[in-house]
């Protein structure tokens, strides 16, 4: 008599977590680093009218955090760059603040300070190949506006400074909508020259930035906490671009005061790039010393991911 054939048990459905951020480079990078530690769940976008998710992790998008919380979804809200401290905190079961150890500590009642939310440590390429320019534009940017003109001027100055220093533009990372990105690049006259590879343009929505930085000799970036973390992780010199809005202006003051990062001088842009490249590991050493003194182990992304898991295991 043959033994009955046992059918394999179907795999249990994966828990679904909404992973969303505000549409800017700071928030996107923070969400990307957190999502890298949530591989055991299904990460989805907001799906109005669809099945309710089991939890959510939201970076900086206060309206979405409020909406999900009101619908009964347990939310981990993350303030990626200090905006929540100025604009107010949304309703969320867990609220976290990205506060790297190289910044002065800031305790907020009911908020978890998670330390540095950083990219994975990346091995440097043996030969640096050029500059990555990372520009975070004001919200709602459209062609023909004063914000567009200012963004174009900063991008143009960065490109001219890089080329004046004898470096190629390895890539541009722009968080504007596709049509506006194209217009900024066209208005900036950004091309690699005859016979050279085309300049890559990225939206900042994927991990391309970290891969590019491993090959770069300098990062020119809007003033972002994530830019300092990226430069530190890849040991790439950092030069900050002028602020384009009030939030960036606050971050610029925070970063320069805390770690003395250089800022692109509009009167001497080429010299600023050369000084950043020649300064080599100066920023890396200052940030490393500050993190060591603060006891910051750069595991902020893991801490936020742990908060998400706790909501999934025992939702309120």
Protein backbone atom coordinates (compact mmCIF):
# COMPACT_ATOMS: atom_id res chain seq x y z
CA UNK A 1 0.00 0.00 0.00
CA UNK A 2 1.54 3.29 -1.05
CA UNK A 3 1.94 6.16 1.37
CA UNK A 4 -0.24 9.18 0.78
CA UNK A 5 1.48 12.10 -0.94
CA UNK A 6 1.72 15.10 1.32
CA UNK A 7 1.12 18.42 -0.36
CA UNK A 8 3.52 21.18 0.66
CA UNK A 9 1.97 23.84 2.83
CA UNK A 10 1.50 27.14 1.02
CA UNK A 11 3.88 29.84 2.14
CA UNK A 12 2.23 32.39 4.44
CA UNK A 13 1.55 35.73 2.78
CA UNK A 14 4.29 38.29 3.30
CA UNK A 15 3.48 41.22 5.52
CA UNK A 16 2.92 44.40 3.51
CA UNK A 17 4.55 47.67 4.57
CA UNK A 18 3.97 51.01 2.89
CA UNK A 19 7.39 52.62 2.32
CA UNK A 20 7.09 56.23 1.22
CA UNK A 21 8.90 59.54 1.41
CA UNK A 22 8.65 63.13 0.40
CA UNK A 23 9.91 63.65 -3.14
CA UNK A 24 13.36 65.06 -2.41
CA UNK A 25 16.90 63.66 -2.23
CA UNK A 26 17.19 63.79 1.57
CA UNK A 27 13.96 61.86 2.18
CA UNK A 28 14.52 59.38 -0.66
CA UNK A 29 18.02 58.49 0.52
CA UNK A 30 16.83 57.99 4.10
CA UNK A 31 14.00 55.70 2.99
CA UNK A 32 16.35 53.74 0.71
CA UNK A 33 18.76 52.99 3.56
CA UNK A 34 15.91 51.91 5.87
CA UNK A 35 14.29 49.73 3.19
CA UNK A 36 17.57 47.85 2.73
CA UNK A 37 16.98 46.38 6.22
CA UNK A 38 13.36 45.30 5.60
CA UNK A 39 13.95 42.57 3.04
CA UNK A 40 11.67 40.09 4.83
CA UNK A 41 8.51 42.12 4.15
CA UNK A 42 6.80 43.32 0.98
CA UNK A 43 7.39 47.05 0.56
CA UNK A 44 4.59 48.80 -1.33
CA UNK A 45 3.48 52.31 -2.17
CA UNK A 46 0.27 53.86 -0.96
CA UNK A 47 -2.65 52.10 -2.63
CA UNK A 48 -5.91 54.02 -2.03
CA UNK A 49 -8.83 51.61 -2.09
CA UNK A 50 -6.55 48.56 -1.96
CA UNK A 51 -6.01 46.11 0.89
CA UNK A 52 -4.89 47.71 4.13
CA UNK A 53 -1.12 47.40 4.75
CA UNK A 54 0.17 45.89 7.96
CA UNK A 55 2.32 48.93 8.78
CA UNK A 56 4.06 51.90 7.17
CA UNK A 57 7.38 53.71 7.30
CA UNK A 58 7.12 57.29 6.06
CA UNK A 59 9.98 59.77 5.68
CA UNK A 60 9.01 63.44 5.99
CA UNK A 61 5.62 63.16 4.24
CA UNK A 62 3.51 64.43 7.13
CA UNK A 63 0.24 64.45 5.15
CA UNK A 64 0.63 60.77 4.22
CA UNK A 65 1.57 59.83 7.79
CA UNK A 66 -1.56 61.58 9.08
CA UNK A 67 -3.77 59.91 6.45
CA UNK A 68 -2.44 56.40 7.13
CA UNK A 69 -2.66 56.86 10.90
CA UNK A 70 -6.26 58.07 10.61
CA UNK A 71 -7.13 54.92 8.62
CA UNK A 72 -5.75 52.69 11.41
CA UNK A 73 -2.38 51.80 9.89
CA UNK A 74 0.48 51.75 12.43
CA UNK A 75 3.05 54.25 11.16
CA UNK A 76 6.74 54.80 11.84
CA UNK A 77 7.41 58.41 10.85
CA UNK A 78 11.00 59.51 10.21
CA UNK A 79 12.21 63.08 10.19
CA UNK A 80 15.12 62.78 7.74
CA UNK A 81 16.63 66.23 7.81
CA UNK A 82 15.26 68.38 10.61
CA UNK A 83 12.13 69.63 8.83
CA UNK A 84 9.71 68.13 11.36
CA UNK A 85 11.36 70.04 14.17
CA UNK A 86 10.41 73.24 12.33
CA UNK A 87 7.09 72.22 10.76
CA UNK A 88 5.59 70.06 13.51
CA UNK A 89 5.19 66.32 13.96
CA UNK A 90 2.35 64.26 12.46
CA UNK A 91 0.23 61.69 14.27
CA UNK A 92 2.16 58.41 14.19
CA UNK A 93 2.58 55.54 16.64
CA UNK A 94 6.38 55.84 16.42
CA UNK A 95 8.28 59.00 15.58
CA UNK A 96 12.00 58.92 14.80
CA UNK A 97 14.49 61.67 14.13
CA UNK A 98 17.61 61.30 12.03
CA UNK A 99 20.16 63.08 14.18
CA UNK A 100 23.75 62.09 13.28
CA UNK A 101 26.27 62.12 16.10
CA UNK A 102 28.26 64.87 14.39
CA UNK A 103 25.38 67.24 15.16
CA UNK A 104 24.63 68.54 18.67
CA UNK A 105 22.13 66.28 20.40
CA UNK A 106 18.47 67.33 20.33
CA UNK A 107 16.03 65.55 22.61
CA UNK A 108 12.34 65.77 21.73
CA UNK A 109 9.73 64.22 24.02
CA UNK A 110 8.08 61.21 22.43
CA UNK A 111 10.63 61.05 19.58
CA UNK A 112 13.33 58.41 19.11
CA UNK A 113 16.70 59.86 18.17
CA UNK A 114 18.18 57.11 15.98
CA UNK A 115 21.63 58.48 15.19
CA UNK A 116 23.12 58.32 11.71
CA UNK A 117 20.97 56.84 8.95
CA UNK A 118 23.75 55.95 6.56
CA UNK A 119 24.35 54.04 3.34
CA UNK A 120 26.25 50.75 3.46
CA UNK A 121 29.99 51.24 3.59
CA UNK A 122 31.31 51.22 0.04
CA UNK A 123 34.75 50.22 -1.18
CA UNK A 124 36.50 53.04 -3.02
CA UNK A 125 37.44 52.49 -6.63
CA UNK A 126 41.21 52.39 -7.20
CA UNK A 127 41.08 55.35 -9.56
CA UNK A 128 38.72 58.29 -8.97
CA UNK A 129 37.12 59.39 -12.22
CA UNK A 130 35.40 62.75 -11.73
CA UNK A 131 32.70 64.69 -9.87
CA UNK A 132 29.17 63.77 -8.87
CA UNK A 133 26.89 66.81 -8.64
CA UNK A 134 23.81 66.30 -6.45
CA UNK A 135 21.22 69.08 -6.56
CA UNK A 136 18.07 69.08 -4.44
CA UNK A 137 15.59 71.52 -5.94
CA UNK A 138 12.76 73.44 -4.23
CA UNK A 139 9.39 71.68 -4.08
CA UNK A 140 7.09 72.10 -7.08
CA UNK A 141 9.89 73.31 -9.35
CA UNK A 142 8.74 74.26 -12.86
CA UNK A 143 10.45 75.83 -15.83
CA UNK A 144 10.43 79.62 -16.11
CA UNK A 145 10.08 80.33 -12.38
CA UNK A 146 12.55 82.17 -10.10
CA UNK A 147 13.28 78.85 -8.35
CA UNK A 148 14.18 77.32 -11.72
CA UNK A 149 16.50 80.22 -12.51
CA UNK A 150 18.25 79.86 -9.13
CA UNK A 151 18.53 76.08 -9.50
CA UNK A 152 19.96 76.49 -12.99
CA UNK A 153 22.48 79.08 -11.79
CA UNK A 154 23.74 76.79 -9.01
CA UNK A 155 23.96 73.80 -11.36
CA UNK A 156 25.76 75.84 -14.01
CA UNK A 157 28.24 77.19 -11.43
CA UNK A 158 28.94 73.67 -10.15
CA UNK A 159 29.55 72.29 -13.64
CA UNK A 160 31.81 75.20 -14.60
CA UNK A 161 33.77 74.86 -11.35
CA UNK A 162 34.32 71.13 -11.85
CA UNK A 163 35.48 71.55 -15.42
CA UNK A 164 37.63 74.54 -14.49
CA UNK A 165 39.38 72.29 -11.98
CA UNK A 166 40.14 69.82 -14.80
CA UNK A 167 37.62 67.16 -13.74
CA UNK A 168 34.90 65.52 -15.83
CA UNK A 169 31.29 65.52 -14.62
CA UNK A 170 30.71 61.87 -13.78
CA UNK A 171 26.99 62.18 -13.05
CA UNK A 172 24.18 64.49 -12.04
CA UNK A 173 21.64 63.57 -9.38
CA UNK A 174 18.57 65.85 -9.59
CA UNK A 175 15.31 65.35 -7.69
CA UNK A 176 13.16 67.42 -10.06
CA UNK A 177 10.44 65.83 -12.25
CA UNK A 178 11.76 64.31 -15.48
CA UNK A 179 10.75 67.22 -17.75
CA UNK A 180 12.30 69.75 -15.36
CA UNK A 181 15.49 67.66 -15.02
CA UNK A 182 15.84 67.66 -18.79
CA UNK A 183 15.27 71.42 -18.94
CA UNK A 184 17.88 72.06 -16.22
CA UNK A 185 20.44 69.92 -18.02
CA UNK A 186 19.72 71.55 -21.37
CA UNK A 187 19.80 75.06 -19.92
CA UNK A 188 23.03 74.24 -18.15
CA UNK A 189 24.69 73.18 -21.37
CA UNK A 190 25.87 70.00 -19.69
CA UNK A 191 27.49 67.61 -22.09
CA UNK A 192 30.54 65.42 -21.80
CA UNK A 193 32.18 66.68 -24.98
CA UNK A 194 32.95 64.89 -28.25
CA UNK A 195 33.97 61.27 -27.87
CA UNK A 196 33.27 61.19 -24.12
CA UNK A 197 30.60 59.06 -22.44
CA UNK A 198 27.29 60.83 -21.92
CA UNK A 199 26.82 62.44 -18.52
CA UNK A 200 24.47 60.19 -16.51
CA UNK A 201 21.44 61.92 -15.00
CA UNK A 202 19.68 60.25 -12.05
CA UNK A 203 16.60 61.08 -10.03
CA UNK A 204 17.95 59.86 -6.69
CA UNK A 205 15.24 57.19 -6.45
CA UNK A 206 17.66 54.25 -6.55
CA UNK A 207 21.05 53.28 -5.19
CA UNK A 208 22.97 54.63 -8.20
CA UNK A 209 24.39 57.52 -6.17
CA UNK A 210 26.35 55.28 -3.80
CA UNK A 211 27.74 53.27 -6.72
CA UNK A 212 28.81 56.45 -8.49
CA UNK A 213 30.39 57.94 -5.39
CA UNK A 214 32.63 54.92 -5.02
CA UNK A 215 34.18 56.01 -8.32
CA UNK A 216 34.18 59.79 -7.73
CA UNK A 217 36.96 62.14 -6.74
CA UNK A 218 34.58 64.75 -5.23
CA UNK A 219 30.88 65.20 -4.39
CA UNK A 220 29.26 68.59 -4.91
CA UNK A 221 25.91 68.48 -3.15
CA UNK A 222 23.06 70.59 -1.89
CA UNK A 223 23.29 70.89 1.91
CA UNK A 224 21.83 67.55 3.04
CA UNK A 225 22.54 65.44 6.11
CA UNK A 226 22.54 62.44 3.77
CA UNK A 227 25.28 64.06 1.66
CA UNK A 228 27.62 64.17 4.67
CA UNK A 229 26.78 60.53 5.42
CA UNK A 230 27.35 59.54 1.77
CA UNK A 231 30.69 61.35 1.61
CA UNK A 232 31.77 59.79 4.91
CA UNK A 233 30.73 56.26 3.92
CA UNK A 234 32.59 56.43 0.62
CA UNK A 235 35.44 58.63 1.90
CA UNK A 236 34.88 61.17 -0.86
CA UNK A 237 35.63 64.90 -0.43
CA UNK A 238 32.45 66.98 -0.08
CA UNK A 239 31.75 70.51 -1.28
CA UNK A 240 28.34 71.98 -0.43
CA UNK A 241 26.31 73.96 -2.95
CA UNK A 242 24.48 77.19 -2.02
CA UNK A 243 21.07 76.74 -0.38
CA UNK A 244 18.00 77.06 -2.60
CA UNK A 245 15.33 77.42 0.11
CA UNK A 246 14.98 78.08 3.82
CA UNK A 247 15.16 74.41 4.81
CA UNK A 248 18.44 74.02 2.92
CA UNK A 249 19.73 77.25 4.48
CA UNK A 250 19.13 75.80 7.98
CA UNK A 251 20.91 72.59 7.02
CA UNK A 252 23.81 74.51 5.48
CA UNK A 253 24.36 76.36 8.76
CA UNK A 254 24.05 73.10 10.74
CA UNK A 255 26.54 71.20 8.59
CA UNK A 256 29.18 73.91 8.24
CA UNK A 257 29.10 74.67 11.96
CA UNK A 258 29.25 70.99 12.96
CA UNK A 259 31.88 69.58 10.60
CA UNK A 260 33.31 72.56 8.72
CA UNK A 261 32.35 71.30 5.27
CA UNK A 262 33.41 73.60 2.45
CA UNK A 263 30.87 75.63 0.48
CA UNK A 264 31.12 76.50 -3.22
CA UNK A 265 32.31 80.11 -3.35
CA UNK A 266 30.48 81.81 -6.25
CA UNK A 267 33.38 84.24 -6.63
CA UNK A 268 36.08 81.53 -6.70
CA UNK A 269 34.27 78.28 -7.61
CA UNK A 270 37.21 76.53 -9.29
CA UNK A 271 39.48 77.12 -6.29
CA UNK A 272 36.75 75.74 -3.99
CA UNK A 273 36.63 72.46 -5.95
CA UNK A 274 40.42 72.16 -6.00
CA UNK A 275 40.60 72.82 -2.25
CA UNK A 276 37.97 70.13 -1.56
CA UNK A 277 39.84 67.54 -3.64
CA UNK A 278 43.20 68.42 -2.12
CA UNK A 279 41.72 68.38 1.39
CA UNK A 280 41.20 64.65 0.94
CA UNK A 281 40.22 63.00 4.20
CA UNK A 282 39.74 66.14 6.32
CA UNK A 283 35.94 65.83 6.45
CA UNK A 284 36.14 62.05 6.95
CA UNK A 285 38.43 62.53 9.95
CA UNK A 286 36.23 65.21 11.54
CA UNK A 287 33.03 63.19 11.11
CA UNK A 288 34.70 59.99 12.34
CA UNK A 289 35.95 61.76 15.48
CA UNK A 290 32.54 63.30 16.16
CA UNK A 291 30.73 59.97 15.74
CA UNK A 292 33.19 58.24 18.05
CA UNK A 293 32.76 60.89 20.74
CA UNK A 294 28.96 60.71 20.47
CA UNK A 295 28.89 56.89 20.51
CA UNK A 296 27.07 56.90 17.15
CA UNK A 297 27.52 53.56 15.38
CA UNK A 298 25.82 54.64 12.10
CA UNK A 299 23.03 52.08 12.59
CA UNK A 300 20.11 54.47 12.48
CA UNK A 301 18.54 52.68 9.49
CA UNK A 302 18.61 49.39 11.39
CA UNK A 303 16.98 51.06 14.42
CA UNK A 304 14.12 52.41 12.33
CA UNK A 305 13.66 49.01 10.65
CA UNK A 306 13.47 47.45 14.12
CA UNK A 307 10.68 49.86 15.07
CA UNK A 308 8.75 48.74 11.97
CA UNK A 309 9.19 45.07 12.93
CA UNK A 310 7.95 45.75 16.43
CA UNK A 311 4.74 47.24 15.04
CA UNK A 312 4.30 44.19 12.80
CA UNK A 313 4.79 41.78 15.71
CA UNK A 314 2.60 43.61 18.20
CA UNK A 315 0.64 46.42 16.53
CA UNK A 316 -1.09 48.84 18.83
